[in-house]
Amino acid sequence: RKSLLLASLMAFVESFSFVRTSLSPRTNKIFRTTTNAISSRRPLFPLRMTVTSENTLTLSPIKSIDGTVTLPGSKSLSNRCLLLAALSDGTTRVENLLESDDIRFMLGALDDLGVEVVRHSSTEVTVTGRAGPIDSPLTDAKVLDLFLGNAGTAMRPLAAALCMGKGKFVLDGVPRMRERPIADLIDGLVQLGADVSCSETGCPPVVINADGVQGGEAIISGKMSSQFLSSLLMSSPVANGDVKISIKDELISAPYVALTIGLMKKFGVTVQVEGEMNGGTPSFLISNDEKYINPASILVEGDASSASYFLAGATITGGTITVRGCGSDSVQGDVAFANVMEQMGATVTWASESITITRDPATRLKGVDVDCGEIPDAAMTLAVVALFADGPTTIRNVYSWRLKETERMKAIVAECTKLGATVEEFRDYCIIHPPKDNKLNDNVLIETYDDHRMAMTFSLAACAGVRVCINDPGCTAKTFPTYFEMLESVTQ
């Protein structure tokens, strides 16, 4: 596996004229010779930001964030598009694909599975679908091992989809992936008749002995992650019979499920929904008559979670920023983050494919009390904006933070405290009391815990007029490898 990963990383590096922030510090150690040779042409990080050690990036104080940014493709949509294209009948050209670790893991898995993927560029591919389930390319009952890093958007959908075909598979990842729950998804697949299991801890590795699924009904929990439901939904059209999936308790992050259903519709499949997705216990029916048909092309919408950093930066500094790639027509729930900024004192202007935000410097930011169950990723950004508010901010319904790339609740509490805040931690919410007079501590080293969103979120602390040191800035490669370059482009 290490040799395969090394080969993939080499190919990725060779496709660029310089080494970018997409390479993590761990990768930079492997490619130290290449990095040294190429870095003479262009610095690894923008001039306003200084690499103070091999693993640390120091951001200078930020006075204002102004300008226009074009967002990279959505991670959630990118991997969903790739999988649905692979299950469909025909070929699909996927455009504005996110260039990141998670998407490379999905593309690598499709390669290993024998799915034909033609790469036109790092953000555009053509996928030839299987017109049904994906069978293992191996013979004689050999096991196909798929290494998926820490990519939950690859691990969970593939675990469900591969149960619908034939073959033996083991899906595994980095140590943190072995701590991320998947038992609710496995339980749903077993109810449908799949021969699949995970570790005793309820986490990967996932072992699959696939011989197709005849259909049936699965009743699962929706409290932990909406990805489990989305994975079952996406795989159901290639089962051999009707599939009904019911939520037995509550469904968190319902906008992500709506995103999945909307994307399935673009690939020709209609999901029947019974009951309320928001606050209810809905059921979902996928008829065996529904079949995936590839659209000739599909454009991946800009990533709304990534938009939150720039929207927050302009809100904090009183600048004006326009993010292009998602807007009022977006299918992503995280665009609602702009509404939270408006509650805090910003002025928001919506267009169909863009959002513009600003704040009158005479208007003080005010603390808010927000249910962030539908925007858990963007809610992390809110935690840093809270440091600049007048009064406390309560971020509710974010238990899913504890199950992400790191234990985000603990991480948010620890790093906000370092910056001078007082944070009250509860099971599924926290209350952030900003420092006195909103003065943040200078030159704080921010631990990122190998979590891309921690690095991007806490870069905004520099808007307090202080230096901020980001440990392992390369972890942004998971979803936004050019983040620090783009931040520099709109920073004053």
Protein backbone atom coordinates (compact mmCIF):
# COMPACT_ATOMS: atom_id res chain seq x y z
CA ARG A 1 0.00 0.00 0.00
CA LYS A 2 2.82 2.38 0.85
CA SER A 3 4.38 1.85 -2.57
CA LEU A 4 1.07 2.54 -4.29
CA LEU A 5 0.55 5.71 -2.26
CA LEU A 6 4.09 6.83 -2.99
CA ALA A 7 3.58 6.25 -6.71
CA SER A 8 0.35 8.24 -6.65
CA LEU A 9 1.99 11.11 -4.81
CA MET A 10 4.92 11.14 -7.25
CA ALA A 11 2.52 11.36 -10.19
CA PHE A 12 0.69 14.20 -8.51
CA VAL A 13 3.88 16.17 -7.82
CA GLU A 14 5.22 15.67 -11.33
CA SER A 15 2.02 17.09 -12.83
CA PHE A 16 2.79 20.54 -11.38
CA SER A 17 5.60 22.99 -12.00
CA PHE A 18 5.98 23.62 -8.30
CA VAL A 19 5.16 21.97 -5.00
CA ARG A 20 2.06 23.58 -3.55
CA THR A 21 0.46 23.63 -0.14
CA SER A 22 -1.40 20.49 -1.15
CA LEU A 23 1.59 18.51 0.03
CA SER A 24 1.45 17.83 3.74
CA PRO A 25 4.56 17.99 5.91
CA ARG A 26 4.67 14.18 5.87
CA THR A 27 4.70 14.25 2.06
CA ASN A 28 7.31 17.00 2.06
CA LYS A 29 9.62 14.73 4.05
CA ILE A 30 9.30 12.10 1.32
CA PHE A 31 9.88 14.65 -1.44
CA ARG A 32 12.49 16.82 0.28
CA THR A 33 14.80 16.68 -2.73
CA THR A 34 12.02 17.56 -5.15
CA THR A 35 10.79 20.34 -2.89
CA ASN A 36 14.21 21.93 -2.59
CA ALA A 37 14.70 21.86 -6.34
CA ILE A 38 11.35 23.38 -7.16
CA SER A 39 10.97 25.87 -4.31
CA SER A 40 13.60 28.10 -5.86
CA ARG A 41 11.03 28.96 -8.56
CA ARG A 42 8.16 29.79 -6.22
CA PRO A 43 7.75 29.85 -2.43
CA LEU A 44 5.67 27.14 -0.83
CA PHE A 45 3.55 29.75 0.93
CA PRO A 46 2.63 33.35 0.10
CA LEU A 47 5.08 36.06 1.12
CA ARG A 48 2.77 37.42 3.83
CA MET A 49 3.03 34.04 5.51
CA THR A 50 6.31 32.64 6.78
CA VAL A 51 7.32 29.00 7.06
CA THR A 52 8.98 29.16 10.47
CA SER A 53 9.85 25.47 10.60
CA GLU A 54 9.28 22.39 8.50
CA ASN A 55 5.79 21.93 9.96
CA THR A 56 4.69 25.43 10.97
CA LEU A 57 3.30 28.42 9.09
CA THR A 58 3.16 31.87 10.73
CA LEU A 59 0.45 34.24 9.51
CA SER A 60 1.04 37.97 9.89
CA PRO A 61 -1.75 40.16 11.28
CA ILE A 62 -4.64 40.60 8.84
CA LYS A 63 -6.17 44.08 8.60
CA SER A 64 -8.89 43.34 6.08
CA ILE A 65 -10.22 40.63 3.78
CA ASP A 66 -11.53 42.08 0.52
CA GLY A 67 -12.02 40.87 -3.02
CA THR A 68 -13.49 37.97 -4.97
CA VAL A 69 -12.65 34.28 -4.72
CA THR A 70 -13.76 31.40 -6.93
CA LEU A 71 -14.36 28.34 -4.78
CA PRO A 72 -12.92 24.90 -5.48
CA GLY A 73 -15.42 22.11 -6.08
CA SER A 74 -17.40 20.65 -3.20
CA LYS A 75 -15.84 17.60 -1.55
CA SER A 76 -19.22 16.02 -0.82
CA LEU A 77 -20.48 16.55 -4.36
CA SER A 78 -17.19 15.51 -6.00
CA ASN A 79 -17.06 12.04 -4.46
CA ARG A 80 -20.80 11.50 -4.86
CA CYS A 81 -20.57 12.40 -8.55
CA LEU A 82 -17.68 10.01 -9.09
CA LEU A 83 -19.46 7.09 -7.45
CA LEU A 84 -22.80 7.66 -9.18
CA ALA A 85 -21.03 7.99 -12.53
CA ALA A 86 -19.32 4.64 -11.87
CA LEU A 87 -22.67 2.95 -11.10
CA SER A 88 -24.49 4.45 -14.07
CA ASP A 89 -25.05 3.47 -17.68
CA GLY A 90 -22.94 5.56 -20.04
CA THR A 91 -20.11 8.04 -19.69
CA THR A 92 -20.03 11.25 -17.67
CA ARG A 93 -17.59 14.13 -17.83
CA VAL A 94 -17.20 15.50 -14.28
CA GLU A 95 -16.04 19.12 -14.24
CA ASN A 96 -14.70 21.34 -11.41
CA LEU A 97 -13.79 18.25 -9.43
CA LEU A 98 -12.16 19.14 -6.13
CA GLU A 99 -8.41 18.67 -6.24
CA SER A 100 -7.70 17.13 -2.83
CA ASP A 101 -6.66 14.05 -0.90
CA ASP A 102 -10.21 12.76 -0.38
CA ILE A 103 -11.01 12.85 -4.08
CA ARG A 104 -7.69 11.23 -4.99
CA PHE A 105 -8.51 8.35 -2.63
CA MET A 106 -11.86 7.85 -4.37
CA LEU A 107 -10.27 8.03 -7.82
CA GLY A 108 -7.59 5.57 -6.73
CA ALA A 109 -10.24 3.17 -5.46
CA LEU A 110 -12.14 3.35 -8.76
CA ASP A 111 -8.87 2.58 -10.56
CA ASP A 112 -8.29 -0.44 -8.34
CA LEU A 113 -11.86 -1.58 -8.99
CA GLY A 114 -11.30 -1.48 -12.75
CA VAL A 115 -13.67 1.43 -13.41
CA GLU A 116 -12.53 3.36 -16.46
CA VAL A 117 -11.61 6.92 -15.50
CA VAL A 118 -9.96 9.21 -18.05
CA ARG A 119 -8.19 12.17 -16.45
CA HIS A 120 -8.29 15.31 -18.60
CA SER A 121 -6.83 17.48 -15.84
CA SER A 122 -6.61 17.53 -12.06
CA THR A 123 -10.19 18.89 -11.91
CA GLU A 124 -11.86 17.15 -14.86
CA VAL A 125 -12.38 13.46 -15.59
CA THR A 126 -14.60 11.22 -17.70
CA VAL A 127 -16.04 8.12 -16.01
CA THR A 128 -17.42 5.13 -17.91
CA GLY A 129 -20.11 3.57 -15.75
CA ARG A 130 -20.78 -0.08 -15.04
CA ALA A 131 -24.57 0.20 -15.57
CA GLY A 132 -25.02 -1.55 -12.25
CA PRO A 133 -23.00 -2.76 -9.28
CA ILE A 134 -19.20 -2.79 -9.24
CA ASP A 135 -17.72 -6.28 -9.05
CA SER A 136 -14.19 -7.04 -7.92
CA PRO A 137 -11.71 -7.30 -10.80
CA LEU A 138 -9.87 -10.10 -8.95
CA THR A 139 -10.48 -13.78 -9.57
CA ASP A 140 -10.19 -16.96 -7.47
CA ALA A 141 -11.87 -15.34 -4.46
CA LYS A 142 -8.90 -13.06 -3.85
CA VAL A 143 -9.41 -10.12 -1.50
CA LEU A 144 -9.11 -6.60 -2.92
CA ASP A 145 -7.67 -4.19 -0.35
CA LEU A 146 -8.71 -0.56 -0.69
CA PHE A 147 -6.82 2.04 1.36
CA LEU A 148 -8.92 5.20 1.76
CA GLY A 149 -6.85 7.34 4.10
CA ASN A 150 -9.13 9.47 6.28
CA ALA A 151 -11.71 10.05 3.53
CA GLY A 152 -15.12 9.42 5.06
CA THR A 153 -16.81 10.48 1.81
CA ALA A 154 -15.02 7.58 0.11
CA MET A 155 -15.12 4.96 2.89
CA ARG A 156 -18.83 5.03 3.65
CA PRO A 157 -20.34 5.22 0.13
CA LEU A 158 -17.93 2.57 -1.17
CA ALA A 159 -18.68 0.26 1.76
CA ALA A 160 -22.35 0.31 0.74
CA ALA A 161 -21.87 0.23 -3.03
CA LEU A 162 -19.47 -2.72 -3.04
CA CYS A 163 -21.97 -4.85 -1.10
CA MET A 164 -24.26 -4.67 -4.14
CA GLY A 165 -21.83 -6.44 -6.46
CA LYS A 166 -19.66 -9.53 -6.17
CA GLY A 167 -16.24 -10.02 -4.65
CA LYS A 168 -14.21 -9.86 -1.47
CA PHE A 169 -13.00 -6.51 -0.20
CA VAL A 170 -11.30 -4.94 2.81
CA LEU A 171 -11.68 -1.17 3.19
CA ASP A 172 -9.23 0.47 5.57
CA GLY A 173 -7.55 3.80 6.28
CA VAL A 174 -5.26 5.75 8.57
CA PRO A 175 -5.40 5.25 12.37
CA ARG A 176 -7.97 8.03 12.79
CA MET A 177 -10.26 6.30 10.27
CA ARG A 178 -10.19 3.28 12.56
CA GLU A 179 -11.71 5.53 15.24
CA ARG A 180 -14.54 6.90 13.10
CA PRO A 181 -17.85 5.03 13.58
CA ILE A 182 -19.43 3.09 10.74
CA ALA A 183 -21.49 0.50 12.66
CA ASP A 184 -24.88 2.10 11.87
CA LEU A 185 -24.17 1.79 8.15
CA ILE A 186 -22.98 -1.81 8.54
CA ASP A 187 -26.14 -2.62 10.51
CA GLY A 188 -28.30 -1.24 7.70
CA LEU A 189 -26.44 -3.24 5.06
CA VAL A 190 -26.75 -6.45 7.11
CA GLN A 191 -30.50 -5.87 7.39
CA LEU A 192 -30.60 -5.76 3.59
CA GLY A 193 -28.82 -9.11 3.42
CA ALA A 194 -25.21 -8.07 2.86
CA ASP A 195 -22.31 -10.09 4.26
CA VAL A 196 -20.33 -7.23 5.73
CA SER A 197 -18.69 -6.43 9.06
CA CYS A 198 -16.49 -3.89 10.80
CA SER A 199 -14.20 -4.04 13.83
CA GLU A 200 -15.44 -4.69 17.36
CA THR A 201 -15.17 -0.95 18.03
CA GLY A 202 -17.78 -0.24 15.34
CA CYS A 203 -15.18 1.39 13.10
CA PRO A 204 -13.18 0.34 9.99
CA PRO A 205 -11.66 -1.79 8.64
CA VAL A 206 -14.73 -2.98 6.75
CA VAL A 207 -14.74 -6.57 5.48
CA ILE A 208 -17.11 -7.37 2.60
CA ASN A 209 -17.98 -10.73 1.08
CA ALA A 210 -20.29 -9.45 -1.64
CA ASP A 211 -22.80 -11.53 -3.55
CA GLY A 212 -25.38 -8.88 -4.36
CA VAL A 213 -28.30 -7.61 -2.29
CA GLN A 214 -31.88 -8.62 -3.02
CA GLY A 215 -33.42 -5.51 -1.46
CA GLY A 216 -35.69 -5.19 1.56
CA GLU A 217 -35.98 -2.76 4.44
CA ALA A 218 -33.35 -1.28 6.72
CA ILE A 219 -34.16 0.71 9.86
CA ILE A 220 -31.17 2.75 10.99
CA SER A 221 -30.20 5.57 13.33
CA GLY A 222 -29.73 9.00 11.82
CA LYS A 223 -28.31 10.65 14.95
CA MET A 224 -24.62 10.08 14.34
CA SER A 225 -24.01 10.89 10.67
CA SER A 226 -26.15 11.57 7.62
CA GLN A 227 -23.44 9.92 5.50
CA PHE A 228 -24.75 6.49 6.53
CA LEU A 229 -28.16 7.23 5.06
CA SER A 230 -26.67 8.89 1.97
CA SER A 231 -24.47 5.84 1.37
CA LEU A 232 -27.43 3.47 1.56
CA LEU A 233 -29.47 5.72 -0.73
CA MET A 234 -26.77 5.93 -3.40
CA SER A 235 -26.19 2.16 -3.47
CA SER A 236 -29.86 1.11 -3.42
CA PRO A 237 -30.63 1.58 -7.15
CA VAL A 238 -28.13 -1.20 -8.02
CA ALA A 239 -29.68 -3.71 -5.58
CA ASN A 240 -31.78 -6.54 -7.05
CA GLY A 241 -35.07 -5.38 -5.55
CA ASP A 242 -36.95 -2.51 -3.94
CA VAL A 243 -35.19 -0.91 -0.96
CA LYS A 244 -36.81 0.99 1.90
CA ILE A 245 -34.71 2.83 4.44
CA SER A 246 -36.30 4.23 7.59
CA ILE A 247 -34.86 6.49 10.29
CA LYS A 248 -35.75 5.24 13.77
CA ASP A 249 -34.81 8.28 15.85
CA GLU A 250 -33.73 11.58 14.32
CA LEU A 251 -31.90 12.68 11.21
CA ILE A 252 -29.03 15.14 11.59
CA SER A 253 -27.57 17.19 8.73
CA ALA A 254 -30.71 16.77 6.62
CA PRO A 255 -29.43 19.19 3.93
CA TYR A 256 -26.69 16.68 3.05
CA VAL A 257 -29.35 14.00 2.51
CA ALA A 258 -31.32 16.42 0.32
CA LEU A 259 -28.09 17.05 -1.60
CA THR A 260 -27.69 13.30 -2.17
CA ILE A 261 -31.29 12.85 -3.33
CA GLY A 262 -31.00 15.83 -5.68
CA LEU A 263 -27.82 14.47 -7.21
CA MET A 264 -29.35 11.02 -7.67
CA LYS A 265 -32.15 12.75 -9.58
CA LYS A 266 -29.59 14.22 -11.98
CA PHE A 267 -28.43 10.66 -12.62
CA GLY A 268 -31.99 9.55 -13.41
CA VAL A 269 -33.12 8.07 -10.06
CA THR A 270 -36.09 9.34 -8.04
CA VAL A 271 -36.20 8.68 -4.31
CA GLN A 272 -39.64 8.65 -2.70
CA VAL A 273 -39.61 10.37 0.69
CA GLU A 274 -42.26 9.74 3.34
CA GLY A 275 -42.40 12.00 6.39
CA GLU A 276 -40.42 15.08 7.35
CA MET A 277 -36.65 15.08 6.98
CA ASN A 278 -36.26 18.08 9.29
CA GLY A 279 -37.14 17.02 12.82
CA GLY A 280 -38.99 13.85 11.81
CA THR A 281 -38.38 10.14 11.28
CA PRO A 282 -38.58 9.87 7.50
CA SER A 283 -38.55 6.80 5.26
CA PHE A 284 -37.04 6.54 1.79
CA LEU A 285 -38.15 4.16 -0.97
CA ILE A 286 -36.06 3.32 -4.01
CA SER A 287 -37.92 1.18 -6.53
CA ASN A 288 -36.08 -1.52 -8.44
CA ASP A 289 -37.40 0.14 -11.60
CA GLU A 290 -35.11 3.10 -10.94
CA LYS A 291 -31.81 2.90 -12.85
CA TYR A 292 -28.87 5.26 -13.01
CA ILE A 293 -28.30 6.89 -16.40
CA ASN A 294 -25.21 9.02 -16.79
CA PRO A 295 -25.63 12.67 -17.73
CA ALA A 296 -23.21 13.63 -20.50
CA SER A 297 -21.53 16.10 -18.15
CA ILE A 298 -21.98 17.47 -14.67
CA LEU A 299 -20.44 20.54 -13.04
CA VAL A 300 -19.48 20.24 -9.38
CA GLU A 301 -20.71 23.23 -7.39
CA GLY A 302 -18.20 25.28 -5.40
CA ASP A 303 -17.63 24.12 -1.83
CA ALA A 304 -19.91 25.99 0.59
CA SER A 305 -17.93 24.88 3.65
CA SER A 306 -14.82 26.47 2.15
CA ALA A 307 -16.78 29.65 1.49
CA SER A 308 -17.31 30.07 5.24
CA TYR A 309 -13.68 31.10 5.89
CA PHE A 310 -13.83 34.05 3.50
CA LEU A 311 -17.33 35.09 4.54
CA ALA A 312 -16.19 35.01 8.17
CA GLY A 313 -13.01 36.94 7.41
CA ALA A 314 -14.89 39.82 5.81
CA THR A 315 -17.42 39.78 8.64
CA ILE A 316 -14.67 40.02 11.27
CA THR A 317 -12.58 42.70 9.53
CA GLY A 318 -15.35 44.80 7.98
CA GLY A 319 -14.08 44.07 4.49
CA THR A 320 -16.17 43.07 1.48
CA ILE A 321 -15.84 39.63 -0.08
CA THR A 322 -17.66 37.86 -2.90
CA VAL A 323 -17.43 34.07 -3.10
CA ARG A 324 -18.30 32.60 -6.49
CA GLY A 325 -19.43 29.02 -7.03
CA CYS A 326 -22.36 28.78 -4.62
CA GLY A 327 -25.25 31.07 -3.84
CA SER A 328 -29.02 31.17 -3.48
CA ASP A 329 -29.41 28.24 -5.90
CA SER A 330 -26.93 26.07 -4.00
CA VAL A 331 -27.84 22.52 -2.99
CA GLN A 332 -25.44 22.67 -0.03
CA GLY A 333 -26.69 23.38 3.46
CA ASP A 334 -23.53 25.23 4.51
CA VAL A 335 -24.55 28.33 2.54
CA ALA A 336 -26.76 29.00 5.58
CA PHE A 337 -23.57 30.08 7.37
CA ALA A 338 -24.02 33.45 5.67
CA ASN A 339 -27.32 33.84 7.53
CA VAL A 340 -25.51 33.33 10.83
CA MET A 341 -23.03 36.06 9.89
CA GLU A 342 -26.00 38.31 9.17
CA GLN A 343 -27.38 37.59 12.66
CA MET A 344 -24.04 38.66 14.09
CA GLY A 345 -24.06 42.00 12.24
CA ALA A 346 -22.94 41.44 8.64
CA THR A 347 -24.77 42.53 5.50
CA VAL A 348 -25.33 39.73 2.99
CA THR A 349 -26.19 39.99 -0.71
CA TRP A 350 -27.27 36.84 -2.51
CA ALA A 351 -27.02 35.93 -6.19
CA SER A 352 -27.82 32.59 -7.77
CA GLU A 353 -24.15 31.48 -7.84
CA SER A 354 -22.42 33.88 -5.46
CA ILE A 355 -22.59 35.44 -2.01
CA THR A 356 -21.28 38.88 -1.09
CA ILE A 357 -20.79 39.87 2.52
CA THR A 358 -19.58 42.97 4.36
CA ARG A 359 -19.94 44.70 7.72
CA ASP A 360 -20.02 48.35 8.68
CA PRO A 361 -17.09 48.77 11.11
CA ALA A 362 -19.40 50.85 13.30
CA THR A 363 -21.60 47.79 13.81
CA ARG A 364 -20.23 45.53 16.53
CA LEU A 365 -20.45 41.80 16.10
CA LYS A 366 -22.82 40.28 18.62
CA GLY A 367 -22.82 36.81 20.13
CA VAL A 368 -25.51 34.41 18.97
CA ASP A 369 -27.17 31.18 20.04
CA VAL A 370 -27.45 28.91 17.00
CA ASP A 371 -28.53 25.34 16.25
CA CYS A 372 -25.78 24.23 13.88
CA GLY A 373 -27.00 20.67 13.32
CA GLU A 374 -27.43 21.35 9.61
CA ILE A 375 -24.07 23.16 9.17
CA PRO A 376 -21.61 21.23 11.38
CA ASP A 377 -18.54 21.95 9.22
CA ALA A 378 -19.21 25.66 8.89
CA ALA A 379 -20.01 25.78 12.61
CA MET A 380 -16.29 25.39 13.27
CA THR A 381 -15.72 28.72 11.53
CA LEU A 382 -18.37 30.27 13.79
CA ALA A 383 -16.24 29.28 16.78
CA VAL A 384 -13.49 31.68 15.71
CA VAL A 385 -15.90 34.47 14.73
CA ALA A 386 -17.25 34.16 18.29
CA LEU A 387 -13.88 35.39 19.59
CA PHE A 388 -14.61 38.80 18.02
CA ALA A 389 -18.21 39.16 19.25
CA ASP A 390 -19.78 41.20 22.00
CA GLY A 391 -21.03 38.55 24.39
CA PRO A 392 -20.98 34.75 24.37
CA THR A 393 -21.84 32.54 21.40
CA THR A 394 -23.53 29.16 21.84
CA ILE A 395 -22.98 26.56 19.12
CA ARG A 396 -25.59 23.81 19.52
CA ASN A 397 -26.31 20.35 18.11
CA VAL A 398 -22.77 19.54 16.98
CA TYR A 399 -22.19 16.13 18.54
CA SER A 400 -20.98 15.02 15.10
CA TRP A 401 -17.86 17.16 15.72
CA ARG A 402 -16.65 14.36 17.98
CA LEU A 403 -16.74 11.83 15.11
CA LYS A 404 -14.92 13.77 12.40
CA GLU A 405 -11.30 13.88 11.22
CA THR A 406 -10.36 14.59 14.83
CA GLU A 407 -12.36 15.01 18.04
CA ARG A 408 -13.34 18.50 16.96
CA MET A 409 -15.16 19.52 20.12
CA LYS A 410 -12.04 18.97 22.23
CA ALA A 411 -9.88 20.61 19.57
CA ILE A 412 -12.08 23.71 19.30
CA VAL A 413 -12.15 24.12 23.08
CA ALA A 414 -8.39 23.73 23.40
CA GLU A 415 -7.39 26.16 20.65
CA CYS A 416 -9.97 28.84 21.52
CA THR A 417 -8.72 28.68 25.11
CA LYS A 418 -5.13 29.20 23.95
CA LEU A 419 -6.22 32.37 22.16
CA GLY A 420 -7.71 33.73 25.39
CA ALA A 421 -11.35 32.65 25.30
CA THR A 422 -13.25 30.85 28.04
CA VAL A 423 -15.15 27.88 26.63
CA GLU A 424 -17.82 25.78 28.32
CA GLU A 425 -17.98 22.28 26.83
CA PHE A 426 -21.07 20.06 26.86
CA ARG A 427 -21.96 16.80 25.10
CA ASP A 428 -23.28 18.33 21.89
CA TYR A 429 -22.74 22.06 22.27
CA CYS A 430 -20.32 24.64 23.58
CA ILE A 431 -20.48 28.23 24.81
CA ILE A 432 -17.62 30.51 23.79
CA HIS A 433 -16.92 33.61 25.89
CA PRO A 434 -14.56 35.91 23.95
CA PRO A 435 -11.43 37.39 25.55
CA LYS A 436 -11.72 40.75 27.28
CA ASP A 437 -12.07 43.52 24.70
CA ASN A 438 -11.72 40.79 22.03
CA LYS A 439 -7.92 40.91 22.38
CA LEU A 440 -6.48 37.56 21.35
CA ASN A 441 -3.15 36.26 22.55
CA ASP A 442 -0.27 36.87 20.13
CA ASN A 443 1.90 34.27 18.42
CA VAL A 444 -0.16 31.29 19.56
CA LEU A 445 0.76 27.90 18.08
CA ILE A 446 -2.43 26.31 16.78
CA GLU A 447 -2.49 22.53 16.77
CA THR A 448 -4.41 21.22 13.77
CA TYR A 449 -4.67 17.54 14.78
CA ASP A 450 -4.26 16.50 11.12
CA ASP A 451 -7.64 18.16 10.52
CA HIS A 452 -7.91 20.42 7.48
CA ARG A 453 -10.74 22.50 8.93
CA MET A 454 -8.82 23.29 12.11
CA ALA A 455 -6.01 24.84 10.05
CA MET A 456 -8.34 26.95 7.92
CA THR A 457 -10.67 27.97 10.73
CA PHE A 458 -7.97 29.21 13.10
CA SER A 459 -6.07 31.08 10.40
CA LEU A 460 -8.79 33.72 10.90
CA ALA A 461 -7.46 34.48 14.38
CA ALA A 462 -4.90 36.65 12.58
CA CYS A 463 -7.78 39.09 11.90
CA ALA A 464 -7.33 40.21 15.53
CA GLY A 465 -4.08 41.92 14.58
CA VAL A 466 -1.93 39.14 16.03
CA ARG A 467 0.44 36.62 14.57
CA VAL A 468 -0.86 33.06 14.41
CA CYS A 469 1.27 29.94 13.98
CA ILE A 470 -0.45 27.06 12.21
CA ASN A 471 1.05 23.63 12.88
CA ASP A 472 1.00 21.25 9.87
CA PRO A 473 -0.59 23.67 7.37
CA GLY A 474 -0.31 21.01 4.68
CA CYS A 475 -3.25 19.15 6.22
CA THR A 476 -5.49 21.45 4.16
CA ALA A 477 -4.68 19.14 1.23
CA LYS A 478 -7.62 17.01 2.34
CA THR A 479 -10.13 19.47 0.86
CA PHE A 480 -8.50 22.81 -0.04
CA PRO A 481 -4.80 22.52 -0.95
CA THR A 482 -4.58 26.12 -2.21
CA TYR A 483 -6.34 27.68 0.79
CA PHE A 484 -3.45 29.75 2.09
CA GLU A 485 -2.68 31.05 -1.40
CA MET A 486 -6.29 32.08 -1.87
CA LEU A 487 -6.41 33.70 1.56
CA GLU A 488 -3.31 35.70 0.68
CA SER A 489 -4.94 36.92 -2.54
CA VAL A 490 -7.69 38.75 -0.61
CA THR A 491 -5.71 39.78 2.48
CA GLN A 492 -4.60 43.30 3.27
